[in-house]
Amino acid sequence: MKEVYGDIIKYLFTAFGMSFLITAVMGPLMIPLLRRLKFGQNVRDDGPQRHLKKAGTPTMGGIMFLIAIAITGFTLLRAGIPLASSKDGLVLLLVILGFGIIGFLDDFIKIGLKRSLGLRAREKLIGQIILSLGLGVIAVTVLGRGTDVIIPFSGFFVDNGLRYELGAAGFFLFVILVVVGTSNAVNLTDGLDGLAAGTTAVAAIPFIAISLITGKAAVALVLSAVTGGCLGFLIYNRYPAKVFMGDTGSLALGGALGAAAVLTRSEMFLVVVGGIFVLEALSVILQVLSFKLTGKRILRMSPLHHHFELTGWPETKVVVAFWFGGIFFAVLGILGLYNLV
């Protein structure tokens, strides 16, 4: 049995390494191509003034790690990871690519076709809901996931922890909320060089552990590829960024975390592990509510990372602080597993 688990670990490191290397190699090929196609970043005038110099930086670079994740995932899942059904990993891959396609269409319409609005908000939302609902249905009917959710940290008080049964209708609505919410929260976080890629890589690691603990080694393999792809992308996306991931990348990364949480029955852990994404999304919601109700803003600018920028923090300091915040939430999320499995 030790040899089998040793083989699983080798698969995970192979997935990480393959995805990292493919993404890294694609940089010198893809970035000049995006520049020639004039797929440059548009920067809003009402944002931080220091960001105006980023206008024209190639975007849609999420294609780089999406290709790497797809090649790595499909290749290794086909090879057959020990003690694992490839179905879970294949479903996760399809969700990632589905969200990536939505983001790609939005980016291409905005940047390639020079239409400022891209996909309409309702069009993006409908696509995300369809993918999320499909994930929920497959998880229950094909993968035998059940419709209960595990309560984090409940193992400290009750043996084996607490589980709450949602029923089919409640569970499907919950899946939509989790996956769509996570995808858009990561999208909101993608506002500084290296921020979304770094925080996603950090958040994926606890879910690799959760996947192994819950017997979903194929999900762990795909998440290892996601982590490798994010870190490979950081070679070009760290400050000063040579390329941005665009909605192509950020929606896909959020979809990856949300779908992995659903497949491993750890949706509630995502609130803890993805604490940075939760804070970013909450900052936007609270800013809008405050302005509509009182006419005043509670932050200098939302999402939260821009608030810290406008208080005088250098961009690199904000990014590193958020990375360390992500590490804190990741460790906290792992602690929430105590006595649950």
C-alpha atoms as a PDB file:
ATOM      1  CA  MET A   1       0.000   0.000   0.000  1.00  0.00           C
ATOM      2  CA  LYS A   2       2.903   2.365   0.757  1.00  0.00           C
ATOM      3  CA  GLU A   3       4.157   1.779  -2.774  1.00  0.00           C
ATOM      4  CA  VAL A   4       0.745   2.708  -4.175  1.00  0.00           C
ATOM      5  CA  TYR A   5       0.615   5.951  -2.225  1.00  0.00           C
ATOM      6  CA  GLY A   6       4.189   6.614  -3.304  1.00  0.00           C
ATOM      7  CA  ASP A   7       3.050   6.251  -6.910  1.00  0.00           C
ATOM      8  CA  ILE A   8       0.204   8.715  -6.293  1.00  0.00           C
ATOM      9  CA  ILE A   9       2.648  11.284  -4.933  1.00  0.00           C
ATOM     10  CA  LYS A  10       4.837  10.776  -8.018  1.00  0.00           C
ATOM     11  CA  TYR A  11       1.805  11.449 -10.220  1.00  0.00           C
ATOM     12  CA  LEU A  12       1.082  14.663  -8.316  1.00  0.00           C
ATOM     13  CA  PHE A  13       4.646  15.937  -8.656  1.00  0.00           C
ATOM     14  CA  THR A  14       4.659  14.924 -12.317  1.00  0.00           C
ATOM     15  CA  ALA A  15       1.425  16.873 -12.882  1.00  0.00           C
ATOM     16  CA  PHE A  16       2.871  19.905 -11.122  1.00  0.00           C
ATOM     17  CA  GLY A  17       6.132  19.752 -13.060  1.00  0.00           C
ATOM     18  CA  MET A  18       4.530  19.155 -16.471  1.00  0.00           C
ATOM     19  CA  SER A  19       2.083  22.015 -16.075  1.00  0.00           C
ATOM     20  CA  PHE A  20       4.777  24.361 -14.753  1.00  0.00           C
ATOM     21  CA  LEU A  21       7.168  23.585 -17.610  1.00  0.00           C
ATOM     22  CA  ILE A  22       4.553  23.773 -20.369  1.00  0.00           C
ATOM     23  CA  THR A  23       3.338  27.135 -19.080  1.00  0.00           C
ATOM     24  CA  ALA A  24       6.896  28.434 -18.722  1.00  0.00           C
ATOM     25  CA  VAL A  25       7.848  27.305 -22.243  1.00  0.00           C
ATOM     26  CA  MET A  26       4.723  28.861 -23.739  1.00  0.00           C
ATOM     27  CA  GLY A  27       5.561  32.313 -22.379  1.00  0.00           C
ATOM     28  CA  PRO A  28       8.129  33.318 -25.034  1.00  0.00           C
ATOM     29  CA  LEU A  29       5.782  31.978 -27.716  1.00  0.00           C
ATOM     30  CA  MET A  30       2.417  33.273 -26.531  1.00  0.00           C
ATOM     31  CA  ILE A  31       3.308  36.724 -25.185  1.00  0.00           C
ATOM     32  CA  PRO A  32       4.763  38.056 -28.493  1.00  0.00           C
ATOM     33  CA  LEU A  33       1.751  36.547 -30.320  1.00  0.00           C
ATOM     34  CA  LEU A  34      -0.712  38.338 -28.034  1.00  0.00           C
ATOM     35  CA  ARG A  35       1.269  41.553 -28.558  1.00  0.00           C
ATOM     36  CA  ARG A  36       1.169  41.176 -32.363  1.00  0.00           C
ATOM     37  CA  LEU A  37      -2.583  40.536 -32.221  1.00  0.00           C
ATOM     38  CA  LYS A  38      -2.881  43.747 -30.174  1.00  0.00           C
ATOM     39  CA  PHE A  39      -4.599  41.903 -27.329  1.00  0.00           C
ATOM     40  CA  GLY A  40      -3.548  44.577 -24.849  1.00  0.00           C
ATOM     41  CA  GLN A  41      -5.002  45.370 -21.432  1.00  0.00           C
ATOM     42  CA  ASN A  42      -7.457  48.248 -21.158  1.00  0.00           C
ATOM     43  CA  VAL A  43      -6.980  50.256 -17.955  1.00  0.00           C
ATOM     44  CA  ARG A  44      -9.820  52.287 -16.420  1.00  0.00           C
ATOM     45  CA  ASP A  45      -9.159  55.986 -15.834  1.00  0.00           C
ATOM     46  CA  ASP A  46     -10.934  55.864 -12.454  1.00  0.00           C
ATOM     47  CA  GLY A  47      -8.546  53.229 -11.072  1.00  0.00           C
ATOM     48  CA  PRO A  48      -5.213  53.795  -9.326  1.00  0.00           C
ATOM     49  CA  GLN A  49      -3.203  56.201 -11.497  1.00  0.00           C
ATOM     50  CA  ARG A  50      -0.070  54.062 -11.310  1.00  0.00           C
ATOM     51  CA  HIS A  51      -1.942  51.377 -13.290  1.00  0.00           C
ATOM     52  CA  LEU A  52      -2.220  53.596 -16.372  1.00  0.00           C
ATOM     53  CA  LYS A  53       1.294  52.543 -17.391  1.00  0.00           C
ATOM     54  CA  LYS A  54       0.027  48.949 -17.669  1.00  0.00           C
ATOM     55  CA  ALA A  55      -2.229  49.822 -20.601  1.00  0.00           C
ATOM     56  CA  GLY A  56      -1.373  47.724 -23.629  1.00  0.00           C
ATOM     57  CA  THR A  57       0.281  44.901 -21.670  1.00  0.00           C
ATOM     58  CA  PRO A  58      -0.744  41.632 -23.375  1.00  0.00           C
ATOM     59  CA  THR A  59      -3.719  39.947 -21.739  1.00  0.00           C
ATOM     60  CA  MET A  60      -5.663  36.689 -22.230  1.00  0.00           C
ATOM     61  CA  GLY A  61      -2.485  34.973 -21.020  1.00  0.00           C
ATOM     62  CA  GLY A  62      -4.614  32.506 -19.077  1.00  0.00           C
ATOM     63  CA  ILE A  63      -4.574  30.515 -22.302  1.00  0.00           C
ATOM     64  CA  MET A  64      -1.011  29.538 -21.402  1.00  0.00           C
ATOM     65  CA  PHE A  65      -1.815  27.672 -18.207  1.00  0.00           C
ATOM     66  CA  LEU A  66      -5.178  26.401 -19.466  1.00  0.00           C
ATOM     67  CA  ILE A  67      -3.404  24.589 -22.294  1.00  0.00           C
ATOM     68  CA  ALA A  68      -0.824  23.281 -19.813  1.00  0.00           C
ATOM     69  CA  ILE A  69      -3.496  22.070 -17.378  1.00  0.00           C
ATOM     70  CA  ALA A  70      -5.455  20.387 -20.176  1.00  0.00           C
ATOM     71  CA  ILE A  71      -2.435  18.602 -21.677  1.00  0.00           C
ATOM     72  CA  THR A  72      -1.174  17.504 -18.263  1.00  0.00           C
ATOM     73  CA  GLY A  73      -4.543  16.452 -16.902  1.00  0.00           C
ATOM     74  CA  PHE A  74      -5.787  14.481 -19.883  1.00  0.00           C
ATOM     75  CA  THR A  75      -2.398  12.790 -20.390  1.00  0.00           C
ATOM     76  CA  LEU A  76      -1.924  11.636 -16.803  1.00  0.00           C
ATOM     77  CA  LEU A  77      -5.567  10.729 -16.170  1.00  0.00           C
ATOM     78  CA  ARG A  78      -5.489   8.572 -19.277  1.00  0.00           C
ATOM     79  CA  ALA A  79      -2.387   6.845 -17.897  1.00  0.00           C
ATOM     80  CA  GLY A  80      -4.422   5.883 -14.821  1.00  0.00           C
ATOM     81  CA  ILE A  81      -3.618   7.157 -11.347  1.00  0.00           C
ATOM     82  CA  PRO A  82      -3.588   4.365  -8.703  1.00  0.00           C
ATOM     83  CA  LEU A  83      -6.638   3.902  -6.428  1.00  0.00           C
ATOM     84  CA  ALA A  84      -8.564   6.568  -8.313  1.00  0.00           C
ATOM     85  CA  SER A  85     -11.345   6.827 -10.842  1.00  0.00           C
ATOM     86  CA  SER A  86     -10.441   9.262 -13.591  1.00  0.00           C
ATOM     87  CA  LYS A  87     -14.072  10.444 -13.801  1.00  0.00           C
ATOM     88  CA  ASP A  88     -13.703  13.003 -11.007  1.00  0.00           C
ATOM     89  CA  GLY A  89     -10.595  14.474 -12.587  1.00  0.00           C
ATOM     90  CA  LEU A  90     -12.156  14.574 -16.053  1.00  0.00           C
ATOM     91  CA  VAL A  91     -15.233  16.394 -14.711  1.00  0.00           C
ATOM     92  CA  LEU A  92     -12.994  18.921 -12.969  1.00  0.00           C
ATOM     93  CA  LEU A  93     -10.988  19.474 -16.159  1.00  0.00           C
ATOM     94  CA  LEU A  94     -14.137  20.046 -18.198  1.00  0.00           C
ATOM     95  CA  VAL A  95     -15.448  22.588 -15.687  1.00  0.00           C
ATOM     96  CA  ILE A  96     -12.121  24.441 -15.742  1.00  0.00           C
ATOM     97  CA  LEU A  97     -12.092  24.561 -19.525  1.00  0.00           C
ATOM     98  CA  GLY A  98     -15.775  25.543 -19.631  1.00  0.00           C
ATOM     99  CA  PHE A  99     -15.208  28.544 -17.383  1.00  0.00           C
ATOM    100  CA  GLY A 100     -12.064  29.335 -19.355  1.00  0.00           C
ATOM    101  CA  ILE A 101     -14.099  29.422 -22.586  1.00  0.00           C
ATOM    102  CA  ILE A 102     -16.580  31.864 -21.034  1.00  0.00           C
ATOM    103  CA  GLY A 103     -13.694  34.080 -19.971  1.00  0.00           C
ATOM    104  CA  PHE A 104     -12.044  33.762 -23.382  1.00  0.00           C
ATOM    105  CA  LEU A 105     -15.215  34.845 -25.176  1.00  0.00           C
ATOM    106  CA  ASP A 106     -15.545  37.831 -22.853  1.00  0.00           C
ATOM    107  CA  ASP A 107     -11.900  38.821 -23.375  1.00  0.00           C
ATOM    108  CA  PHE A 108     -12.013  38.299 -27.135  1.00  0.00           C
ATOM    109  CA  ILE A 109     -15.132  40.419 -27.594  1.00  0.00           C
ATOM    110  CA  LYS A 110     -13.690  43.210 -25.419  1.00  0.00           C
ATOM    111  CA  ILE A 111     -10.121  43.146 -26.675  1.00  0.00           C
ATOM    112  CA  GLY A 112     -10.045  41.312 -29.991  1.00  0.00           C
ATOM    113  CA  LEU A 113     -13.246  42.827 -31.403  1.00  0.00           C
ATOM    114  CA  LYS A 114     -12.778  46.135 -29.522  1.00  0.00           C
ATOM    115  CA  ARG A 115     -16.250  46.082 -27.932  1.00  0.00           C
ATOM    116  CA  SER A 116     -15.909  47.595 -24.488  1.00  0.00           C
ATOM    117  CA  LEU A 117     -18.635  45.586 -22.739  1.00  0.00           C
ATOM    118  CA  GLY A 118     -17.620  42.071 -23.815  1.00  0.00           C
ATOM    119  CA  LEU A 119     -20.207  39.451 -22.940  1.00  0.00           C
ATOM    120  CA  ARG A 120     -23.235  40.893 -21.183  1.00  0.00           C
ATOM    121  CA  ALA A 121     -23.315  40.160 -17.465  1.00  0.00           C
ATOM    122  CA  ARG A 122     -26.402  37.976 -17.824  1.00  0.00           C
ATOM    123  CA  GLU A 123     -24.777  36.018 -20.645  1.00  0.00           C
ATOM    124  CA  LYS A 124     -21.728  35.238 -18.516  1.00  0.00           C
ATOM    125  CA  LEU A 125     -23.927  34.391 -15.556  1.00  0.00           C
ATOM    126  CA  ILE A 126     -26.128  32.040 -17.573  1.00  0.00           C
ATOM    127  CA  GLY A 127     -23.075  30.193 -18.871  1.00  0.00           C
ATOM    128  CA  GLN A 128     -21.616  29.897 -15.376  1.00  0.00           C
ATOM    129  CA  ILE A 129     -24.926  28.662 -13.943  1.00  0.00           C
ATOM    130  CA  ILE A 130     -25.293  26.017 -16.661  1.00  0.00           C
ATOM    131  CA  LEU A 131     -21.774  24.702 -16.026  1.00  0.00           C
ATOM    132  CA  SER A 132     -22.266  24.720 -12.249  1.00  0.00           C
ATOM    133  CA  LEU A 133     -25.633  22.993 -12.434  1.00  0.00           C
ATOM    134  CA  GLY A 134     -24.184  20.381 -14.773  1.00  0.00           C
ATOM    135  CA  LEU A 135     -21.390  19.780 -12.273  1.00  0.00           C
ATOM    136  CA  GLY A 136     -23.894  19.332  -9.442  1.00  0.00           C
ATOM    137  CA  VAL A 137     -26.046  16.890 -11.397  1.00  0.00           C
ATOM    138  CA  ILE A 138     -23.052  14.799 -12.510  1.00  0.00           C
ATOM    139  CA  ALA A 139     -21.590  14.809  -8.995  1.00  0.00           C
ATOM    140  CA  VAL A 140     -24.814  13.352  -7.575  1.00  0.00           C
ATOM    141  CA  THR A 141     -26.035  11.049 -10.355  1.00  0.00           C
ATOM    142  CA  VAL A 142     -22.748   9.760 -11.808  1.00  0.00           C
ATOM    143  CA  LEU A 143     -20.113  10.216  -9.116  1.00  0.00           C
ATOM    144  CA  GLY A 144     -22.290   9.353  -6.109  1.00  0.00           C
ATOM    145  CA  ARG A 145     -21.397  12.514  -4.236  1.00  0.00           C
ATOM    146  CA  GLY A 146     -24.617  12.769  -2.203  1.00  0.00           C
ATOM    147  CA  THR A 147     -26.309  16.048  -1.249  1.00  0.00           C
ATOM    148  CA  ASP A 148     -24.873  16.700   2.205  1.00  0.00           C
ATOM    149  CA  VAL A 149     -22.224  19.225   3.217  1.00  0.00           C
ATOM    150  CA  ILE A 150     -19.529  18.904   5.874  1.00  0.00           C
ATOM    151  CA  ILE A 151     -19.251  21.603   8.529  1.00  0.00           C
ATOM    152  CA  PRO A 152     -15.608  22.710   9.062  1.00  0.00           C
ATOM    153  CA  PHE A 153     -14.184  22.558  12.600  1.00  0.00           C
ATOM    154  CA  SER A 154     -17.177  20.541  13.837  1.00  0.00           C
ATOM    155  CA  GLY A 155     -14.809  17.611  14.483  1.00  0.00           C
ATOM    156  CA  PHE A 156     -13.464  19.502  17.486  1.00  0.00           C
ATOM    157  CA  PHE A 157     -16.869  19.142  19.158  1.00  0.00           C
ATOM    158  CA  VAL A 158     -18.454  16.003  17.670  1.00  0.00           C
ATOM    159  CA  ASP A 159     -16.783  12.750  16.605  1.00  0.00           C
ATOM    160  CA  ASN A 160     -16.596  12.617  12.798  1.00  0.00           C
ATOM    161  CA  GLY A 161     -18.029  16.133  12.662  1.00  0.00           C
ATOM    162  CA  LEU A 162     -21.391  17.424  11.540  1.00  0.00           C
ATOM    163  CA  ARG A 163     -23.005  17.054   8.144  1.00  0.00           C
ATOM    164  CA  TYR A 164     -26.044  18.897   6.903  1.00  0.00           C
ATOM    165  CA  GLU A 165     -28.359  17.332   4.350  1.00  0.00           C
ATOM    166  CA  LEU A 166     -29.504  19.852   1.738  1.00  0.00           C
ATOM    167  CA  GLY A 167     -31.689  17.669  -0.448  1.00  0.00           C
ATOM    168  CA  ALA A 168     -31.409  17.666  -4.235  1.00  0.00           C
ATOM    169  CA  ALA A 169     -32.901  21.107  -4.947  1.00  0.00           C
ATOM    170  CA  GLY A 170     -31.035  22.800  -2.109  1.00  0.00           C
ATOM    171  CA  PHE A 171     -27.775  21.129  -3.082  1.00  0.00           C
ATOM    172  CA  PHE A 172     -27.975  22.194  -6.734  1.00  0.00           C
ATOM    173  CA  LEU A 173     -28.648  25.794  -5.724  1.00  0.00           C
ATOM    174  CA  PHE A 174     -25.764  25.578  -3.274  1.00  0.00           C
ATOM    175  CA  VAL A 175     -23.395  24.296  -5.969  1.00  0.00           C
ATOM    176  CA  ILE A 176     -24.339  27.180  -8.252  1.00  0.00           C
ATOM    177  CA  LEU A 177     -23.689  29.665  -5.447  1.00  0.00           C
ATOM    178  CA  VAL A 178     -20.330  28.098  -4.566  1.00  0.00           C
ATOM    179  CA  VAL A 179     -18.894  27.690  -8.057  1.00  0.00           C
ATOM    180  CA  VAL A 180     -20.232  30.885  -9.627  1.00  0.00           C
ATOM    181  CA  GLY A 181     -19.329  32.860  -6.509  1.00  0.00           C
ATOM    182  CA  THR A 182     -15.784  31.490  -6.381  1.00  0.00           C
ATOM    183  CA  SER A 183     -15.174  32.059 -10.077  1.00  0.00           C
ATOM    184  CA  ASN A 184     -16.214  35.691  -9.858  1.00  0.00           C
ATOM    185  CA  ALA A 185     -14.376  36.242  -6.567  1.00  0.00           C
ATOM    186  CA  VAL A 186     -11.103  35.114  -8.157  1.00  0.00           C
ATOM    187  CA  ASN A 187     -11.907  37.352 -11.110  1.00  0.00           C
ATOM    188  CA  LEU A 188     -12.241  40.328  -8.729  1.00  0.00           C
ATOM    189  CA  THR A 189      -8.914  39.420  -7.114  1.00  0.00           C
ATOM    190  CA  ASP A 190      -7.113  39.593 -10.447  1.00  0.00           C
ATOM    191  CA  GLY A 191      -6.188  43.271 -10.201  1.00  0.00           C
ATOM    192  CA  LEU A 192      -2.488  43.341  -9.325  1.00  0.00           C
ATOM    193  CA  ASP A 193       0.551  41.676 -10.851  1.00  0.00           C
ATOM    194  CA  GLY A 194       0.760  38.091  -9.601  1.00  0.00           C
ATOM    195  CA  LEU A 195      -2.093  38.413  -7.108  1.00  0.00           C
ATOM    196  CA  ALA A 196      -4.671  35.984  -8.523  1.00  0.00           C
ATOM    197  CA  ALA A 197      -2.113  33.405  -9.703  1.00  0.00           C
ATOM    198  CA  GLY A 198      -0.305  33.379  -6.352  1.00  0.00           C
ATOM    199  CA  THR A 199      -3.378  33.255  -4.140  1.00  0.00           C
ATOM    200  CA  THR A 200      -4.958  30.521  -6.281  1.00  0.00           C
ATOM    201  CA  ALA A 201      -1.815  28.385  -6.060  1.00  0.00           C
ATOM    202  CA  VAL A 202      -1.845  28.782  -2.278  1.00  0.00           C
ATOM    203  CA  ALA A 203      -5.557  27.927  -2.028  1.00  0.00           C
ATOM    204  CA  ALA A 204      -5.222  24.875  -4.287  1.00  0.00           C
ATOM    205  CA  ILE A 205      -2.699  23.161  -2.005  1.00  0.00           C
ATOM    206  CA  PRO A 206      -5.121  22.493   0.905  1.00  0.00           C
ATOM    207  CA  PHE A 207      -7.620  21.109  -1.581  1.00  0.00           C
ATOM    208  CA  ILE A 208      -4.961  18.725  -2.890  1.00  0.00           C
ATOM    209  CA  ALA A 209      -4.677  17.433   0.687  1.00  0.00           C
ATOM    210  CA  ILE A 210      -8.461  17.299   1.086  1.00  0.00           C
ATOM    211  CA  SER A 211      -8.756  15.407  -2.208  1.00  0.00           C
ATOM    212  CA  LEU A 212      -6.255  12.770  -1.076  1.00  0.00           C
ATOM    213  CA  ILE A 213      -7.914  12.406   2.331  1.00  0.00           C
ATOM    214  CA  THR A 214     -11.334  11.943   0.729  1.00  0.00           C
ATOM    215  CA  GLY A 215     -10.054   9.425  -1.824  1.00  0.00           C
ATOM    216  CA  LYS A 216     -10.252  11.768  -4.821  1.00  0.00           C
ATOM    217  CA  ALA A 217      -6.706  11.356  -6.109  1.00  0.00           C
ATOM    218  CA  ALA A 218      -7.711  12.327  -9.650  1.00  0.00           C
ATOM    219  CA  VAL A 219      -8.985  15.674  -8.356  1.00  0.00           C
ATOM    220  CA  ALA A 220      -5.676  16.127  -6.502  1.00  0.00           C
ATOM    221  CA  LEU A 221      -3.814  15.444  -9.748  1.00  0.00           C
ATOM    222  CA  VAL A 222      -5.710  18.130 -11.660  1.00  0.00           C
ATOM    223  CA  LEU A 223      -5.243  20.600  -8.802  1.00  0.00           C
ATOM    224  CA  SER A 224      -1.513  19.855  -8.863  1.00  0.00           C
ATOM    225  CA  ALA A 225      -1.554  20.816 -12.528  1.00  0.00           C
ATOM    226  CA  VAL A 226      -3.462  23.996 -11.651  1.00  0.00           C
ATOM    227  CA  THR A 227      -0.827  24.861  -9.020  1.00  0.00           C
ATOM    228  CA  GLY A 228       2.035  24.218 -11.442  1.00  0.00           C
ATOM    229  CA  GLY A 229       0.345  26.280 -14.131  1.00  0.00           C
ATOM    230  CA  CYS A 230      -0.180  29.218 -11.757  1.00  0.00           C
ATOM    231  CA  LEU A 231       3.451  29.199 -10.634  1.00  0.00           C
ATOM    232  CA  GLY A 232       4.684  28.853 -14.217  1.00  0.00           C
ATOM    233  CA  PHE A 233       2.523  31.830 -15.148  1.00  0.00           C
ATOM    234  CA  LEU A 234       4.009  33.868 -12.298  1.00  0.00           C
ATOM    235  CA  ILE A 235       7.331  33.858 -14.142  1.00  0.00           C
ATOM    236  CA  TYR A 236       5.739  36.345 -16.547  1.00  0.00           C
ATOM    237  CA  ASN A 237       2.934  37.758 -14.402  1.00  0.00           C
ATOM    238  CA  ARG A 238       4.910  38.853 -11.343  1.00  0.00           C
ATOM    239  CA  TYR A 239       5.663  42.559 -10.995  1.00  0.00           C
ATOM    240  CA  PRO A 240       6.225  44.168 -13.444  1.00  0.00           C
ATOM    241  CA  ALA A 241       3.915  41.873 -15.383  1.00  0.00           C
ATOM    242  CA  LYS A 242       4.736  40.991 -18.978  1.00  0.00           C
ATOM    243  CA  VAL A 243       1.286  39.429 -19.422  1.00  0.00           C
ATOM    244  CA  PHE A 244      -2.082  39.309 -17.659  1.00  0.00           C
ATOM    245  CA  MET A 245      -4.335  36.256 -17.423  1.00  0.00           C
ATOM    246  CA  GLY A 246      -7.573  38.090 -18.281  1.00  0.00           C
ATOM    247  CA  ASP A 247     -11.007  36.657 -17.599  1.00  0.00           C
ATOM    248  CA  THR A 248      -9.799  33.647 -19.590  1.00  0.00           C
ATOM    249  CA  GLY A 249      -7.597  32.673 -16.665  1.00  0.00           C
ATOM    250  CA  SER A 250      -9.309  34.114 -13.611  1.00  0.00           C
ATOM    251  CA  LEU A 251     -12.756  32.644 -14.273  1.00  0.00           C
ATOM    252  CA  ALA A 252     -11.164  29.250 -14.966  1.00  0.00           C
ATOM    253  CA  LEU A 253      -9.102  29.302 -11.764  1.00  0.00           C
ATOM    254  CA  GLY A 254     -12.130  30.211  -9.673  1.00  0.00           C
ATOM    255  CA  GLY A 255     -14.126  27.483 -11.387  1.00  0.00           C
ATOM    256  CA  ALA A 256     -11.332  25.018 -10.572  1.00  0.00           C
ATOM    257  CA  LEU A 257     -11.430  25.762  -6.838  1.00  0.00           C
ATOM    258  CA  GLY A 258     -15.222  25.759  -6.672  1.00  0.00           C
ATOM    259  CA  ALA A 259     -15.602  22.524  -8.615  1.00  0.00           C
ATOM    260  CA  ALA A 260     -12.877  20.799  -6.585  1.00  0.00           C
ATOM    261  CA  ALA A 261     -14.693  21.773  -3.392  1.00  0.00           C
ATOM    262  CA  VAL A 262     -17.944  20.278  -4.715  1.00  0.00           C
ATOM    263  CA  LEU A 263     -16.307  17.027  -5.817  1.00  0.00           C
ATOM    264  CA  THR A 264     -14.627  16.550  -2.425  1.00  0.00           C
ATOM    265  CA  ARG A 265     -17.645  17.559  -0.277  1.00  0.00           C
ATOM    266  CA  SER A 266     -15.636  20.471   1.106  1.00  0.00           C
ATOM    267  CA  GLU A 267     -17.624  23.450  -0.140  1.00  0.00           C
ATOM    268  CA  MET A 268     -17.769  25.051   3.297  1.00  0.00           C
ATOM    269  CA  PHE A 269     -13.987  24.794   3.620  1.00  0.00           C
ATOM    270  CA  LEU A 270     -13.705  27.052   0.586  1.00  0.00           C
ATOM    271  CA  VAL A 271     -14.993  29.949   2.696  1.00  0.00           C
ATOM    272  CA  VAL A 272     -11.977  29.455   4.984  1.00  0.00           C
ATOM    273  CA  VAL A 273      -9.275  28.364   2.525  1.00  0.00           C
ATOM    274  CA  GLY A 274     -10.345  31.021   0.043  1.00  0.00           C
ATOM    275  CA  GLY A 275     -10.542  33.714   2.705  1.00  0.00           C
ATOM    276  CA  ILE A 276      -8.704  36.223   0.504  1.00  0.00           C
ATOM    277  CA  PHE A 277     -11.268  35.763  -2.270  1.00  0.00           C
ATOM    278  CA  VAL A 278     -14.105  36.096   0.231  1.00  0.00           C
ATOM    279  CA  LEU A 279     -12.681  39.367   1.562  1.00  0.00           C
ATOM    280  CA  GLU A 280     -12.204  40.722  -1.956  1.00  0.00           C
ATOM    281  CA  ALA A 281     -15.796  39.909  -2.930  1.00  0.00           C
ATOM    282  CA  LEU A 282     -17.207  41.238   0.355  1.00  0.00           C
ATOM    283  CA  SER A 283     -15.292  44.482  -0.073  1.00  0.00           C
ATOM    284  CA  VAL A 284     -17.072  45.108  -3.384  1.00  0.00           C
ATOM    285  CA  ILE A 285     -20.498  44.181  -2.009  1.00  0.00           C
ATOM    286  CA  LEU A 286     -20.123  46.328   1.107  1.00  0.00           C
ATOM    287  CA  GLN A 287     -18.738  49.261  -0.873  1.00  0.00           C
ATOM    288  CA  VAL A 288     -21.720  49.234  -3.216  1.00  0.00           C
ATOM    289  CA  LEU A 289     -24.252  48.826  -0.390  1.00  0.00           C
ATOM    290  CA  SER A 290     -22.662  51.596   1.671  1.00  0.00           C
ATOM    291  CA  PHE A 291     -22.664  54.025  -1.233  1.00  0.00           C
ATOM    292  CA  LYS A 292     -26.262  53.258  -2.195  1.00  0.00           C
ATOM    293  CA  LEU A 293     -27.590  53.454   1.371  1.00  0.00           C
ATOM    294  CA  THR A 294     -25.513  56.315   2.796  1.00  0.00           C
ATOM    295  CA  GLY A 295     -23.823  57.969  -0.174  1.00  0.00           C
ATOM    296  CA  LYS A 296     -20.447  57.239   1.447  1.00  0.00           C
ATOM    297  CA  ARG A 297     -17.721  54.729   0.633  1.00  0.00           C
ATOM    298  CA  ILE A 298     -16.211  52.599   3.380  1.00  0.00           C
ATOM    299  CA  LEU A 299     -13.022  51.971   1.357  1.00  0.00           C
ATOM    300  CA  ARG A 300     -10.972  54.296  -0.787  1.00  0.00           C
ATOM    301  CA  MET A 301     -11.597  51.886  -3.631  1.00  0.00           C
ATOM    302  CA  SER A 302     -12.783  48.312  -4.073  1.00  0.00           C
ATOM    303  CA  PRO A 303     -11.812  45.496  -4.434  1.00  0.00           C
ATOM    304  CA  LEU A 304      -9.814  45.467  -1.226  1.00  0.00           C
ATOM    305  CA  HIS A 305      -6.364  45.312  -2.843  1.00  0.00           C
ATOM    306  CA  HIS A 306      -6.953  48.716  -4.455  1.00  0.00           C
ATOM    307  CA  HIS A 307      -7.832  50.208  -1.065  1.00  0.00           C
ATOM    308  CA  PHE A 308      -4.398  49.283   0.263  1.00  0.00           C
ATOM    309  CA  GLU A 309      -2.764  50.678  -2.875  1.00  0.00           C
ATOM    310  CA  LEU A 310      -4.487  54.017  -2.385  1.00  0.00           C
ATOM    311  CA  THR A 311      -3.331  54.180   1.225  1.00  0.00           C
ATOM    312  CA  GLY A 312       0.221  54.263  -0.119  1.00  0.00           C
ATOM    313  CA  TRP A 313       1.301  50.615  -0.127  1.00  0.00           C
ATOM    314  CA  PRO A 314       3.502  49.609  -3.084  1.00  0.00           C
ATOM    315  CA  GLU A 315       1.846  47.070  -5.359  1.00  0.00           C
ATOM    316  CA  THR A 316       4.414  44.403  -4.484  1.00  0.00           C
ATOM    317  CA  LYS A 317       3.765  44.865  -0.750  1.00  0.00           C
ATOM    318  CA  VAL A 318       0.015  44.400  -1.241  1.00  0.00           C
ATOM    319  CA  VAL A 319       0.544  41.239  -3.294  1.00  0.00           C
ATOM    320  CA  VAL A 320       2.981  39.648  -0.836  1.00  0.00           C
ATOM    321  CA  ALA A 321       0.728  40.546   2.113  1.00  0.00           C
ATOM    322  CA  PHE A 322      -2.237  38.904   0.380  1.00  0.00           C
ATOM    323  CA  TRP A 323      -0.133  35.825  -0.429  1.00  0.00           C
ATOM    324  CA  PHE A 324       0.757  35.455   3.246  1.00  0.00           C
ATOM    325  CA  GLY A 325      -2.885  36.047   4.126  1.00  0.00           C
ATOM    326  CA  GLY A 326      -3.754  33.221   1.752  1.00  0.00           C
ATOM    327  CA  ILE A 327      -1.242  30.948   3.493  1.00  0.00           C
ATOM    328  CA  PHE A 328      -2.837  31.761   6.849  1.00  0.00           C
ATOM    329  CA  PHE A 329      -6.310  30.896   5.571  1.00  0.00           C
ATOM    330  CA  ALA A 330      -4.973  27.715   3.918  1.00  0.00           C
ATOM    331  CA  VAL A 331      -3.501  26.470   7.208  1.00  0.00           C
ATOM    332  CA  LEU A 332      -6.685  27.417   9.033  1.00  0.00           C
ATOM    333  CA  GLY A 333      -8.723  25.444   6.518  1.00  0.00           C
ATOM    334  CA  ILE A 334      -6.574  22.337   7.000  1.00  0.00           C
ATOM    335  CA  LEU A 335      -7.077  22.619  10.772  1.00  0.00           C
ATOM    336  CA  GLY A 336     -10.813  22.584  10.114  1.00  0.00           C
ATOM    337  CA  LEU A 337     -10.449  18.995   8.864  1.00  0.00           C
ATOM    338  CA  TYR A 338      -9.641  17.713  12.355  1.00  0.00           C
ATOM    339  CA  ASN A 339     -11.580  14.536  13.220  1.00  0.00           C
ATOM    340  CA  LEU A 340     -13.861  14.856  10.183  1.00  0.00           C
ATOM    341  CA  VAL A 341     -12.656  11.961   8.033  1.00  0.00           C
END
